[in-house]
């Protein structure tokens, strides 16, 4: 998975999360006034996802609830 920073109009940017086949998995509902700000937002979001993944827990017994 990777992010793509996309222009929207002349002065707005957004980010999209794409899978290995370059299919959009998630698009941002926010716009940013610069490509750098959209990139920073994508980086911050990826750090949050990484942190959440590290805290993911799996039930030890009894299957899924």
C-alpha atoms as a PDB file:
ATOM      1  CA  UNK A   1       0.000   0.000   0.000  1.00  0.00           C
ATOM      2  CA  UNK A   2       1.089   3.527  -0.629  1.00  0.00           C
ATOM      3  CA  UNK A   3      -0.209   7.081  -0.645  1.00  0.00           C
ATOM      4  CA  UNK A   4      -0.650   9.253  -3.686  1.00  0.00           C
ATOM      5  CA  UNK A   5      -0.911  13.019  -3.400  1.00  0.00           C
ATOM      6  CA  UNK A   6      -3.414  14.325  -5.942  1.00  0.00           C
ATOM      7  CA  UNK A   7      -4.238  17.826  -7.146  1.00  0.00           C
ATOM      8  CA  UNK A   8      -7.838  18.994  -6.930  1.00  0.00           C
ATOM      9  CA  UNK A   9      -8.294  22.096  -8.994  1.00  0.00           C
ATOM     10  CA  UNK A  10      -5.535  24.666  -9.149  1.00  0.00           C
ATOM     11  CA  UNK A  11      -4.747  25.258  -5.488  1.00  0.00           C
ATOM     12  CA  UNK A  12      -5.912  22.248  -3.492  1.00  0.00           C
ATOM     13  CA  UNK A  13      -4.393  18.847  -2.824  1.00  0.00           C
ATOM     14  CA  UNK A  14      -5.655  15.625  -1.310  1.00  0.00           C
ATOM     15  CA  UNK A  15      -4.280  12.179  -0.491  1.00  0.00           C
ATOM     16  CA  UNK A  16      -5.421   8.708  -1.436  1.00  0.00           C
ATOM     17  CA  UNK A  17      -4.340   5.312  -0.127  1.00  0.00           C
ATOM     18  CA  UNK A  18      -3.748   2.803  -2.924  1.00  0.00           C
ATOM     19  CA  UNK A  19      -3.184  -0.940  -2.842  1.00  0.00           C
ATOM     20  CA  UNK A  20      -0.452  -2.860  -4.688  1.00  0.00           C
ATOM     21  CA  UNK A  21      -2.533  -2.730  -7.900  1.00  0.00           C
ATOM     22  CA  UNK A  22      -2.896   1.065  -7.628  1.00  0.00           C
ATOM     23  CA  UNK A  23      -6.592   0.764  -6.782  1.00  0.00           C
ATOM     24  CA  UNK A  24      -7.817   3.443  -4.377  1.00  0.00           C
ATOM     25  CA  UNK A  25      -8.572   1.880  -0.995  1.00  0.00           C
ATOM     26  CA  UNK A  26      -9.372   5.119   0.803  1.00  0.00           C
ATOM     27  CA  UNK A  27      -9.585   8.738  -0.200  1.00  0.00           C
ATOM     28  CA  UNK A  28      -9.153  11.693   2.104  1.00  0.00           C
ATOM     29  CA  UNK A  29     -12.187  13.791   2.947  1.00  0.00           C
ATOM     30  CA  UNK A  30      -9.918  16.801   3.523  1.00  0.00           C
ATOM     31  CA  UNK A  31      -8.117  19.077   1.141  1.00  0.00           C
ATOM     32  CA  UNK A  32      -4.869  20.930   1.727  1.00  0.00           C
ATOM     33  CA  UNK A  33      -3.562  24.197   0.307  1.00  0.00           C
ATOM     34  CA  UNK A  34      -0.196  22.700  -0.682  1.00  0.00           C
ATOM     35  CA  UNK A  35       1.283  19.417  -1.816  1.00  0.00           C
ATOM     36  CA  UNK A  36       3.676  19.514   1.146  1.00  0.00           C
ATOM     37  CA  UNK A  37       0.791  19.753   3.630  1.00  0.00           C
ATOM     38  CA  UNK A  38      -1.036  16.858   1.956  1.00  0.00           C
ATOM     39  CA  UNK A  39       2.177  14.808   2.117  1.00  0.00           C
ATOM     40  CA  UNK A  40       2.637  15.640   5.797  1.00  0.00           C
ATOM     41  CA  UNK A  41      -0.955  14.586   6.517  1.00  0.00           C
ATOM     42  CA  UNK A  42      -0.403  11.281   4.697  1.00  0.00           C
ATOM     43  CA  UNK A  43       2.777  10.674   6.704  1.00  0.00           C
ATOM     44  CA  UNK A  44       1.047  11.472  10.011  1.00  0.00           C
ATOM     45  CA  UNK A  45      -1.837   9.142   9.136  1.00  0.00           C
ATOM     46  CA  UNK A  46       0.566   6.331   8.237  1.00  0.00           C
ATOM     47  CA  UNK A  47       2.307   6.711  11.607  1.00  0.00           C
ATOM     48  CA  UNK A  48      -1.046   6.399  13.395  1.00  0.00           C
ATOM     49  CA  UNK A  49      -1.906   3.258  11.427  1.00  0.00           C
ATOM     50  CA  UNK A  50       1.500   1.761  12.240  1.00  0.00           C
ATOM     51  CA  UNK A  51       1.015   2.473  15.933  1.00  0.00           C
ATOM     52  CA  UNK A  52      -2.482   0.978  15.869  1.00  0.00           C
ATOM     53  CA  UNK A  53      -1.140  -2.132  14.127  1.00  0.00           C
ATOM     54  CA  UNK A  54       1.393  -2.645  16.890  1.00  0.00           C
ATOM     55  CA  UNK A  55      -1.374  -2.691  19.487  1.00  0.00           C
ATOM     56  CA  UNK A  56      -3.562  -5.110  17.547  1.00  0.00           C
ATOM     57  CA  UNK A  57      -4.430  -8.056  19.701  1.00  0.00           C
ATOM     58  CA  UNK A  58      -5.676 -11.486  18.720  1.00  0.00           C
ATOM     59  CA  UNK A  59      -7.858 -13.647  20.991  1.00  0.00           C
ATOM     60  CA  UNK A  60      -5.798 -16.480  22.467  1.00  0.00           C
ATOM     61  CA  UNK A  61      -8.664 -18.954  22.649  1.00  0.00           C
ATOM     62  CA  UNK A  62     -12.352 -19.273  22.003  1.00  0.00           C
ATOM     63  CA  UNK A  63     -12.326 -18.022  18.428  1.00  0.00           C
ATOM     64  CA  UNK A  64     -13.859 -14.788  17.271  1.00  0.00           C
ATOM     65  CA  UNK A  65     -16.482 -13.037  19.330  1.00  0.00           C
END
